[in-house]
């Protein structure tokens, strides 16, 4: 009984020491270090580059990297202080992602839905916002991976096996059905929408185009999506409502921004 009490107290102490606050003020628990998450991001990204076709088109790459570069400039050094690696994957998925450790991936299918640089900036800003808020760390700390155990996760890291471990890939934002349903929860998605809106605005991209983006997304889906209460994603209409609620502050940031990128191909 005494041993159980001591174990419970130790676990409680670990969780209390790992309590943090998200950029929007939400209480979270993050047990993993920034270096561990960066290592996971690096391994996952390397695995994707070796398994998926990378675009070799200079115009596509320049366009995406220009937008991502302006977004990355607005990210605090406390999140990532190095140079972000941006890769365009030549696949029809209408999606993008960002990983801890300064990794951004964009699928060419997204370029058919995001009609201009501002709309693509909205997507990239949203994905980078997941990294800023530490959603991958939070999922690993409070979700299924905590049952798996930190020691087992550390062993996977040391053996360079992250890219072959669906649980970790899903936790940091890379599900098997990346283009269909991202693994992040509705709470994380909404939080990333708000943070990403501010991020794109400060980078000099028109935040009003984020609404147009989600209108395009709704059209592209052709109505083929689950009801919101069955999905980990907010419905496009809910996302648009949330974006409009935060649009006034985003417009102020956009108008104050001294950067007005021209990344058009």
C-alpha atoms as a PDB file:
ATOM      1  CA  UNK A   1       0.000   0.000   0.000  1.00  0.00           C
ATOM      2  CA  UNK A   2       2.838   2.366   0.898  1.00  0.00           C
ATOM      3  CA  UNK A   3       4.604   1.576  -2.379  1.00  0.00           C
ATOM      4  CA  UNK A   4       1.441   2.375  -4.334  1.00  0.00           C
ATOM      5  CA  UNK A   5       1.080   5.676  -2.506  1.00  0.00           C
ATOM      6  CA  UNK A   6       4.690   6.624  -3.221  1.00  0.00           C
ATOM      7  CA  UNK A   7       4.262   5.705  -6.896  1.00  0.00           C
ATOM      8  CA  UNK A   8       1.088   7.755  -7.122  1.00  0.00           C
ATOM      9  CA  UNK A   9       2.796  10.738  -5.515  1.00  0.00           C
ATOM     10  CA  UNK A  10       5.740  10.448  -7.906  1.00  0.00           C
ATOM     11  CA  UNK A  11       3.450  10.286 -10.932  1.00  0.00           C
ATOM     12  CA  UNK A  12       1.509  13.258  -9.598  1.00  0.00           C
ATOM     13  CA  UNK A  13       4.723  15.228  -9.112  1.00  0.00           C
ATOM     14  CA  UNK A  14       5.805  14.505 -12.684  1.00  0.00           C
ATOM     15  CA  UNK A  15       2.486  15.692 -14.064  1.00  0.00           C
ATOM     16  CA  UNK A  16       2.468  18.829 -11.928  1.00  0.00           C
ATOM     17  CA  UNK A  17       5.982  19.721 -13.061  1.00  0.00           C
ATOM     18  CA  UNK A  18       4.906  19.228 -16.678  1.00  0.00           C
ATOM     19  CA  UNK A  19       1.850  21.503 -16.475  1.00  0.00           C
ATOM     20  CA  UNK A  20       2.039  24.390 -18.923  1.00  0.00           C
ATOM     21  CA  UNK A  21      -0.269  26.901 -20.578  1.00  0.00           C
ATOM     22  CA  UNK A  22      -0.944  27.008 -24.304  1.00  0.00           C
ATOM     23  CA  UNK A  23      -0.654  30.297 -26.269  1.00  0.00           C
ATOM     24  CA  UNK A  24      -4.421  30.726 -25.908  1.00  0.00           C
ATOM     25  CA  UNK A  25      -4.349  30.185 -22.136  1.00  0.00           C
ATOM     26  CA  UNK A  26      -5.480  26.558 -22.084  1.00  0.00           C
ATOM     27  CA  UNK A  27      -3.916  24.322 -19.389  1.00  0.00           C
ATOM     28  CA  UNK A  28      -1.880  21.449 -20.842  1.00  0.00           C
ATOM     29  CA  UNK A  29       0.557  18.724 -19.790  1.00  0.00           C
ATOM     30  CA  UNK A  30       3.786  18.218 -21.731  1.00  0.00           C
ATOM     31  CA  UNK A  31       6.155  15.527 -20.541  1.00  0.00           C
ATOM     32  CA  UNK A  32       8.618  15.491 -23.441  1.00  0.00           C
ATOM     33  CA  UNK A  33      11.479  17.910 -24.025  1.00  0.00           C
ATOM     34  CA  UNK A  34      11.830  20.134 -27.075  1.00  0.00           C
ATOM     35  CA  UNK A  35      14.883  18.157 -28.176  1.00  0.00           C
ATOM     36  CA  UNK A  36      12.934  14.884 -28.021  1.00  0.00           C
ATOM     37  CA  UNK A  37      10.115  16.330 -30.110  1.00  0.00           C
ATOM     38  CA  UNK A  38      12.604  17.781 -32.601  1.00  0.00           C
ATOM     39  CA  UNK A  39      14.238  14.351 -32.892  1.00  0.00           C
ATOM     40  CA  UNK A  40      10.858  12.774 -33.571  1.00  0.00           C
ATOM     41  CA  UNK A  41      10.072  15.413 -36.182  1.00  0.00           C
ATOM     42  CA  UNK A  42      13.391  14.872 -37.924  1.00  0.00           C
ATOM     43  CA  UNK A  43      13.003  11.097 -38.043  1.00  0.00           C
ATOM     44  CA  UNK A  44       9.409  11.306 -39.262  1.00  0.00           C
ATOM     45  CA  UNK A  45      10.281  13.849 -41.941  1.00  0.00           C
ATOM     46  CA  UNK A  46      13.250  11.831 -43.191  1.00  0.00           C
ATOM     47  CA  UNK A  47      11.000   8.785 -43.435  1.00  0.00           C
ATOM     48  CA  UNK A  48       8.426  10.675 -45.477  1.00  0.00           C
ATOM     49  CA  UNK A  49      11.036  12.056 -47.876  1.00  0.00           C
ATOM     50  CA  UNK A  50      12.304   8.554 -48.542  1.00  0.00           C
ATOM     51  CA  UNK A  51       8.844   7.052 -49.036  1.00  0.00           C
ATOM     52  CA  UNK A  52       6.938   9.767 -50.904  1.00  0.00           C
ATOM     53  CA  UNK A  53       7.636  11.544 -54.167  1.00  0.00           C
ATOM     54  CA  UNK A  54       9.189  14.976 -53.715  1.00  0.00           C
ATOM     55  CA  UNK A  55       8.375  17.657 -56.282  1.00  0.00           C
ATOM     56  CA  UNK A  56      11.258  18.694 -58.495  1.00  0.00           C
ATOM     57  CA  UNK A  57       9.424  21.627 -60.069  1.00  0.00           C
ATOM     58  CA  UNK A  58      11.358  24.851 -59.335  1.00  0.00           C
ATOM     59  CA  UNK A  59       8.305  27.140 -59.573  1.00  0.00           C
ATOM     60  CA  UNK A  60       6.246  25.093 -57.087  1.00  0.00           C
ATOM     61  CA  UNK A  61       9.124  24.806 -54.664  1.00  0.00           C
ATOM     62  CA  UNK A  62      10.021  28.500 -54.821  1.00  0.00           C
ATOM     63  CA  UNK A  63       6.385  29.525 -54.326  1.00  0.00           C
ATOM     64  CA  UNK A  64       5.819  27.302 -51.286  1.00  0.00           C
ATOM     65  CA  UNK A  65       9.182  28.075 -49.714  1.00  0.00           C
ATOM     66  CA  UNK A  66       8.638  31.803 -50.108  1.00  0.00           C
ATOM     67  CA  UNK A  67       5.337  31.659 -48.207  1.00  0.00           C
ATOM     68  CA  UNK A  68       6.624  29.247 -45.572  1.00  0.00           C
ATOM     69  CA  UNK A  69       9.723  31.383 -45.088  1.00  0.00           C
ATOM     70  CA  UNK A  70       7.667  34.483 -44.267  1.00  0.00           C
ATOM     71  CA  UNK A  71       5.518  32.492 -41.834  1.00  0.00           C
ATOM     72  CA  UNK A  72       8.592  30.980 -40.167  1.00  0.00           C
ATOM     73  CA  UNK A  73      10.077  34.439 -39.579  1.00  0.00           C
ATOM     74  CA  UNK A  74       7.209  35.131 -37.178  1.00  0.00           C
ATOM     75  CA  UNK A  75       7.895  32.034 -35.068  1.00  0.00           C
ATOM     76  CA  UNK A  76       9.660  32.632 -31.774  1.00  0.00           C
ATOM     77  CA  UNK A  77      13.185  31.265 -31.355  1.00  0.00           C
ATOM     78  CA  UNK A  78      11.903  29.487 -28.246  1.00  0.00           C
ATOM     79  CA  UNK A  79       9.860  27.265 -30.579  1.00  0.00           C
ATOM     80  CA  UNK A  80      12.598  26.750 -33.177  1.00  0.00           C
ATOM     81  CA  UNK A  81      15.650  28.901 -33.790  1.00  0.00           C
ATOM     82  CA  UNK A  82      17.130  27.201 -36.838  1.00  0.00           C
ATOM     83  CA  UNK A  83      16.307  27.274 -40.529  1.00  0.00           C
ATOM     84  CA  UNK A  84      13.003  25.622 -41.387  1.00  0.00           C
ATOM     85  CA  UNK A  85      13.125  22.806 -43.950  1.00  0.00           C
ATOM     86  CA  UNK A  86      10.298  23.005 -46.481  1.00  0.00           C
ATOM     87  CA  UNK A  87       9.462  20.137 -48.835  1.00  0.00           C
ATOM     88  CA  UNK A  88       6.766  19.955 -51.521  1.00  0.00           C
ATOM     89  CA  UNK A  89       5.405  16.428 -51.931  1.00  0.00           C
ATOM     90  CA  UNK A  90       4.144  15.585 -55.413  1.00  0.00           C
ATOM     91  CA  UNK A  91       0.852  13.975 -54.394  1.00  0.00           C
ATOM     92  CA  UNK A  92      -2.832  14.772 -54.827  1.00  0.00           C
ATOM     93  CA  UNK A  93      -3.555  15.105 -51.108  1.00  0.00           C
ATOM     94  CA  UNK A  94      -5.155  18.433 -50.240  1.00  0.00           C
ATOM     95  CA  UNK A  95      -3.036  18.960 -47.175  1.00  0.00           C
ATOM     96  CA  UNK A  96       0.069  20.287 -45.467  1.00  0.00           C
ATOM     97  CA  UNK A  97       1.774  19.663 -42.135  1.00  0.00           C
ATOM     98  CA  UNK A  98       4.459  21.013 -39.839  1.00  0.00           C
ATOM     99  CA  UNK A  99       6.566  19.029 -37.406  1.00  0.00           C
ATOM    100  CA  UNK A 100       8.660  19.891 -34.340  1.00  0.00           C
ATOM    101  CA  UNK A 101      12.220  20.702 -35.246  1.00  0.00           C
ATOM    102  CA  UNK A 102      11.370  23.105 -38.065  1.00  0.00           C
ATOM    103  CA  UNK A 103       9.841  20.854 -40.730  1.00  0.00           C
ATOM    104  CA  UNK A 104       7.077  21.865 -43.157  1.00  0.00           C
ATOM    105  CA  UNK A 105       5.513  19.646 -45.819  1.00  0.00           C
ATOM    106  CA  UNK A 106       3.033  20.751 -48.481  1.00  0.00           C
ATOM    107  CA  UNK A 107       1.242  18.450 -50.926  1.00  0.00           C
ATOM    108  CA  UNK A 108       0.760  19.640 -54.489  1.00  0.00           C
ATOM    109  CA  UNK A 109      -2.943  18.789 -54.269  1.00  0.00           C
ATOM    110  CA  UNK A 110      -3.347  21.700 -51.867  1.00  0.00           C
ATOM    111  CA  UNK A 111      -2.141  24.124 -54.533  1.00  0.00           C
ATOM    112  CA  UNK A 112      -5.297  23.376 -56.524  1.00  0.00           C
ATOM    113  CA  UNK A 113      -7.534  24.446 -53.626  1.00  0.00           C
ATOM    114  CA  UNK A 114      -5.528  27.286 -52.068  1.00  0.00           C
ATOM    115  CA  UNK A 115      -5.998  29.750 -54.915  1.00  0.00           C
ATOM    116  CA  UNK A 116      -3.418  32.348 -53.918  1.00  0.00           C
ATOM    117  CA  UNK A 117      -0.485  32.983 -51.591  1.00  0.00           C
ATOM    118  CA  UNK A 118      -2.734  34.245 -48.794  1.00  0.00           C
ATOM    119  CA  UNK A 119      -4.834  31.081 -48.750  1.00  0.00           C
ATOM    120  CA  UNK A 120      -1.760  28.863 -48.775  1.00  0.00           C
ATOM    121  CA  UNK A 121      -0.310  30.994 -45.962  1.00  0.00           C
ATOM    122  CA  UNK A 122      -3.486  30.299 -43.969  1.00  0.00           C
ATOM    123  CA  UNK A 123      -2.868  26.548 -44.227  1.00  0.00           C
ATOM    124  CA  UNK A 124       0.854  26.752 -43.473  1.00  0.00           C
ATOM    125  CA  UNK A 125       0.199  29.158 -40.597  1.00  0.00           C
ATOM    126  CA  UNK A 126      -2.350  26.738 -39.166  1.00  0.00           C
ATOM    127  CA  UNK A 127       0.072  23.809 -39.376  1.00  0.00           C
ATOM    128  CA  UNK A 128       2.952  25.764 -37.834  1.00  0.00           C
ATOM    129  CA  UNK A 129       0.550  26.829 -35.082  1.00  0.00           C
ATOM    130  CA  UNK A 130       0.255  23.162 -34.048  1.00  0.00           C
ATOM    131  CA  UNK A 131       4.013  23.200 -33.444  1.00  0.00           C
ATOM    132  CA  UNK A 132       3.926  26.542 -31.617  1.00  0.00           C
ATOM    133  CA  UNK A 133       1.204  25.267 -29.281  1.00  0.00           C
ATOM    134  CA  UNK A 134       3.033  21.966 -28.699  1.00  0.00           C
ATOM    135  CA  UNK A 135       0.033  19.880 -29.680  1.00  0.00           C
ATOM    136  CA  UNK A 136       2.177  16.877 -30.586  1.00  0.00           C
ATOM    137  CA  UNK A 137       3.823  16.930 -27.164  1.00  0.00           C
ATOM    138  CA  UNK A 138       0.442  17.277 -25.496  1.00  0.00           C
ATOM    139  CA  UNK A 139      -1.010  14.329 -27.391  1.00  0.00           C
ATOM    140  CA  UNK A 140       1.967  12.142 -26.571  1.00  0.00           C
ATOM    141  CA  UNK A 141       1.767  13.133 -22.916  1.00  0.00           C
ATOM    142  CA  UNK A 142      -1.966  12.729 -22.341  1.00  0.00           C
ATOM    143  CA  UNK A 143      -3.027  10.275 -25.031  1.00  0.00           C
ATOM    144  CA  UNK A 144      -2.352   6.692 -25.958  1.00  0.00           C
ATOM    145  CA  UNK A 145       1.419   7.018 -25.920  1.00  0.00           C
ATOM    146  CA  UNK A 146       1.516   7.674 -22.194  1.00  0.00           C
ATOM    147  CA  UNK A 147       0.124   4.152 -21.725  1.00  0.00           C
ATOM    148  CA  UNK A 148       2.877   2.928 -23.992  1.00  0.00           C
ATOM    149  CA  UNK A 149       5.396   4.476 -21.635  1.00  0.00           C
ATOM    150  CA  UNK A 150       8.096   7.126 -21.910  1.00  0.00           C
ATOM    151  CA  UNK A 151      10.839   4.518 -21.729  1.00  0.00           C
ATOM    152  CA  UNK A 152       9.438   2.661 -24.729  1.00  0.00           C
ATOM    153  CA  UNK A 153       9.157   5.943 -26.635  1.00  0.00           C
ATOM    154  CA  UNK A 154      12.762   6.804 -25.799  1.00  0.00           C
ATOM    155  CA  UNK A 155      13.843   3.393 -27.089  1.00  0.00           C
ATOM    156  CA  UNK A 156      12.041   4.047 -30.386  1.00  0.00           C
ATOM    157  CA  UNK A 157      13.821   7.387 -30.647  1.00  0.00           C
ATOM    158  CA  UNK A 158      17.233   5.895 -29.977  1.00  0.00           C
ATOM    159  CA  UNK A 159      16.674   3.173 -32.556  1.00  0.00           C
ATOM    160  CA  UNK A 160      15.581   5.705 -35.207  1.00  0.00           C
ATOM    161  CA  UNK A 161      12.210   3.986 -35.587  1.00  0.00           C
ATOM    162  CA  UNK A 162       9.785   6.919 -35.325  1.00  0.00           C
ATOM    163  CA  UNK A 163       8.866   6.748 -39.012  1.00  0.00           C
ATOM    164  CA  UNK A 164       7.807   3.105 -38.539  1.00  0.00           C
ATOM    165  CA  UNK A 165       5.726   3.758 -35.413  1.00  0.00           C
ATOM    166  CA  UNK A 166       2.159   4.839 -36.292  1.00  0.00           C
ATOM    167  CA  UNK A 167       1.323   5.883 -32.708  1.00  0.00           C
ATOM    168  CA  UNK A 168       4.112   8.449 -32.565  1.00  0.00           C
ATOM    169  CA  UNK A 169       3.589   9.561 -36.159  1.00  0.00           C
ATOM    170  CA  UNK A 170      -0.077  10.157 -35.381  1.00  0.00           C
ATOM    171  CA  UNK A 171       0.670  12.025 -32.158  1.00  0.00           C
ATOM    172  CA  UNK A 172       2.992  14.532 -33.806  1.00  0.00           C
ATOM    173  CA  UNK A 173       0.549  15.122 -36.633  1.00  0.00           C
ATOM    174  CA  UNK A 174       1.050  12.470 -39.309  1.00  0.00           C
ATOM    175  CA  UNK A 175      -1.807  10.003 -39.483  1.00  0.00           C
ATOM    176  CA  UNK A 176      -2.150   7.154 -41.946  1.00  0.00           C
ATOM    177  CA  UNK A 177      -5.027   9.098 -43.529  1.00  0.00           C
ATOM    178  CA  UNK A 178      -3.241  12.442 -43.530  1.00  0.00           C
ATOM    179  CA  UNK A 179      -5.272  13.833 -46.405  1.00  0.00           C
ATOM    180  CA  UNK A 180      -8.600  12.631 -45.044  1.00  0.00           C
ATOM    181  CA  UNK A 181      -8.667  13.193 -41.316  1.00  0.00           C
ATOM    182  CA  UNK A 182      -5.803  14.632 -39.321  1.00  0.00           C
ATOM    183  CA  UNK A 183      -5.268  13.107 -35.885  1.00  0.00           C
ATOM    184  CA  UNK A 184      -5.433  16.379 -33.967  1.00  0.00           C
ATOM    185  CA  UNK A 185      -8.552  16.961 -31.885  1.00  0.00           C
ATOM    186  CA  UNK A 186     -11.163  19.610 -32.527  1.00  0.00           C
ATOM    187  CA  UNK A 187      -9.766  21.621 -29.607  1.00  0.00           C
ATOM    188  CA  UNK A 188      -6.298  21.583 -31.142  1.00  0.00           C
ATOM    189  CA  UNK A 189      -7.649  22.386 -34.590  1.00  0.00           C
ATOM    190  CA  UNK A 190      -9.590  25.404 -33.353  1.00  0.00           C
ATOM    191  CA  UNK A 191      -6.624  26.612 -31.326  1.00  0.00           C
ATOM    192  CA  UNK A 192      -4.366  26.271 -34.374  1.00  0.00           C
ATOM    193  CA  UNK A 193      -6.886  28.219 -36.459  1.00  0.00           C
ATOM    194  CA  UNK A 194      -6.702  31.168 -34.042  1.00  0.00           C
ATOM    195  CA  UNK A 195      -2.904  31.080 -33.652  1.00  0.00           C
ATOM    196  CA  UNK A 196      -2.396  30.531 -37.374  1.00  0.00           C
ATOM    197  CA  UNK A 197      -4.644  33.465 -38.259  1.00  0.00           C
ATOM    198  CA  UNK A 198      -2.511  35.770 -36.127  1.00  0.00           C
ATOM    199  CA  UNK A 199       0.683  34.247 -37.514  1.00  0.00           C
ATOM    200  CA  UNK A 200      -0.235  34.772 -41.178  1.00  0.00           C
ATOM    201  CA  UNK A 201      -1.418  38.319 -40.430  1.00  0.00           C
ATOM    202  CA  UNK A 202       1.838  39.314 -38.752  1.00  0.00           C
ATOM    203  CA  UNK A 203       3.715  37.781 -41.704  1.00  0.00           C
ATOM    204  CA  UNK A 204       1.852  40.174 -44.019  1.00  0.00           C
ATOM    205  CA  UNK A 205      -0.703  37.831 -45.574  1.00  0.00           C
ATOM    206  CA  UNK A 206      -4.349  38.892 -45.826  1.00  0.00           C
ATOM    207  CA  UNK A 207      -6.243  37.055 -43.038  1.00  0.00           C
ATOM    208  CA  UNK A 208      -9.588  37.513 -44.815  1.00  0.00           C
ATOM    209  CA  UNK A 209      -8.436  34.940 -47.352  1.00  0.00           C
ATOM    210  CA  UNK A 210      -8.526  32.267 -44.624  1.00  0.00           C
ATOM    211  CA  UNK A 211     -12.318  32.382 -44.899  1.00  0.00           C
ATOM    212  CA  UNK A 212     -12.128  31.972 -48.672  1.00  0.00           C
ATOM    213  CA  UNK A 213      -9.798  29.023 -48.159  1.00  0.00           C
ATOM    214  CA  UNK A 214     -12.317  27.135 -46.034  1.00  0.00           C
ATOM    215  CA  UNK A 215     -15.069  27.918 -48.480  1.00  0.00           C
ATOM    216  CA  UNK A 216     -12.865  26.325 -51.139  1.00  0.00           C
ATOM    217  CA  UNK A 217     -12.179  23.367 -48.848  1.00  0.00           C
ATOM    218  CA  UNK A 218     -15.905  22.806 -48.365  1.00  0.00           C
ATOM    219  CA  UNK A 219     -16.449  22.853 -52.141  1.00  0.00           C
ATOM    220  CA  UNK A 220     -13.504  20.514 -52.745  1.00  0.00           C
ATOM    221  CA  UNK A 221     -14.917  17.950 -50.309  1.00  0.00           C
ATOM    222  CA  UNK A 222     -18.123  17.775 -52.344  1.00  0.00           C
ATOM    223  CA  UNK A 223     -20.065  17.347 -49.117  1.00  0.00           C
ATOM    224  CA  UNK A 224     -18.290  14.051 -48.439  1.00  0.00           C
ATOM    225  CA  UNK A 225     -17.485  14.465 -44.756  1.00  0.00           C
ATOM    226  CA  UNK A 226     -18.793  13.166 -41.458  1.00  0.00           C
ATOM    227  CA  UNK A 227     -21.045  15.274 -39.253  1.00  0.00           C
ATOM    228  CA  UNK A 228     -18.974  17.499 -36.992  1.00  0.00           C
ATOM    229  CA  UNK A 229     -19.765  15.576 -33.802  1.00  0.00           C
ATOM    230  CA  UNK A 230     -18.299  12.419 -35.347  1.00  0.00           C
ATOM    231  CA  UNK A 231     -15.130  14.077 -36.582  1.00  0.00           C
ATOM    232  CA  UNK A 232     -11.932  15.273 -34.981  1.00  0.00           C
ATOM    233  CA  UNK A 233     -12.181  18.326 -37.246  1.00  0.00           C
ATOM    234  CA  UNK A 234     -14.525  21.260 -36.859  1.00  0.00           C
ATOM    235  CA  UNK A 235     -16.858  21.666 -39.826  1.00  0.00           C
ATOM    236  CA  UNK A 236     -15.776  24.325 -42.349  1.00  0.00           C
ATOM    237  CA  UNK A 237     -18.721  26.516 -41.298  1.00  0.00           C
ATOM    238  CA  UNK A 238     -17.586  26.374 -37.663  1.00  0.00           C
ATOM    239  CA  UNK A 239     -14.027  27.220 -38.648  1.00  0.00           C
ATOM    240  CA  UNK A 240     -15.201  30.191 -40.684  1.00  0.00           C
ATOM    241  CA  UNK A 241     -17.274  31.425 -37.742  1.00  0.00           C
ATOM    242  CA  UNK A 242     -14.275  31.185 -35.416  1.00  0.00           C
ATOM    243  CA  UNK A 243     -12.019  32.946 -37.926  1.00  0.00           C
ATOM    244  CA  UNK A 244     -14.526  35.782 -38.310  1.00  0.00           C
ATOM    245  CA  UNK A 245     -14.720  36.145 -34.542  1.00  0.00           C
ATOM    246  CA  UNK A 246     -10.964  36.784 -34.485  1.00  0.00           C
ATOM    247  CA  UNK A 247     -10.753  38.733 -37.745  1.00  0.00           C
ATOM    248  CA  UNK A 248     -10.705  42.250 -36.238  1.00  0.00           C
ATOM    249  CA  UNK A 249      -7.491  41.628 -34.280  1.00  0.00           C
ATOM    250  CA  UNK A 250      -6.000  39.770 -37.239  1.00  0.00           C
ATOM    251  CA  UNK A 251      -6.693  42.716 -39.543  1.00  0.00           C
ATOM    252  CA  UNK A 252      -5.016  45.054 -37.068  1.00  0.00           C
ATOM    253  CA  UNK A 253      -1.922  42.839 -37.097  1.00  0.00           C
ATOM    254  CA  UNK A 254      -2.016  42.659 -40.900  1.00  0.00           C
ATOM    255  CA  UNK A 255      -2.254  46.431 -41.269  1.00  0.00           C
ATOM    256  CA  UNK A 256       0.604  46.962 -38.806  1.00  0.00           C
ATOM    257  CA  UNK A 257       2.848  44.425 -40.543  1.00  0.00           C
ATOM    258  CA  UNK A 258       5.766  45.959 -42.415  1.00  0.00           C
ATOM    259  CA  UNK A 259       6.045  42.809 -44.534  1.00  0.00           C
ATOM    260  CA  UNK A 260       3.892  42.440 -47.641  1.00  0.00           C
ATOM    261  CA  UNK A 261       5.204  39.293 -49.368  1.00  0.00           C
ATOM    262  CA  UNK A 262       4.923  38.734 -53.096  1.00  0.00           C
ATOM    263  CA  UNK A 263       5.428  35.022 -53.545  1.00  0.00           C
ATOM    264  CA  UNK A 264       3.319  34.635 -56.657  1.00  0.00           C
ATOM    265  CA  UNK A 265       4.830  32.176 -59.161  1.00  0.00           C
END
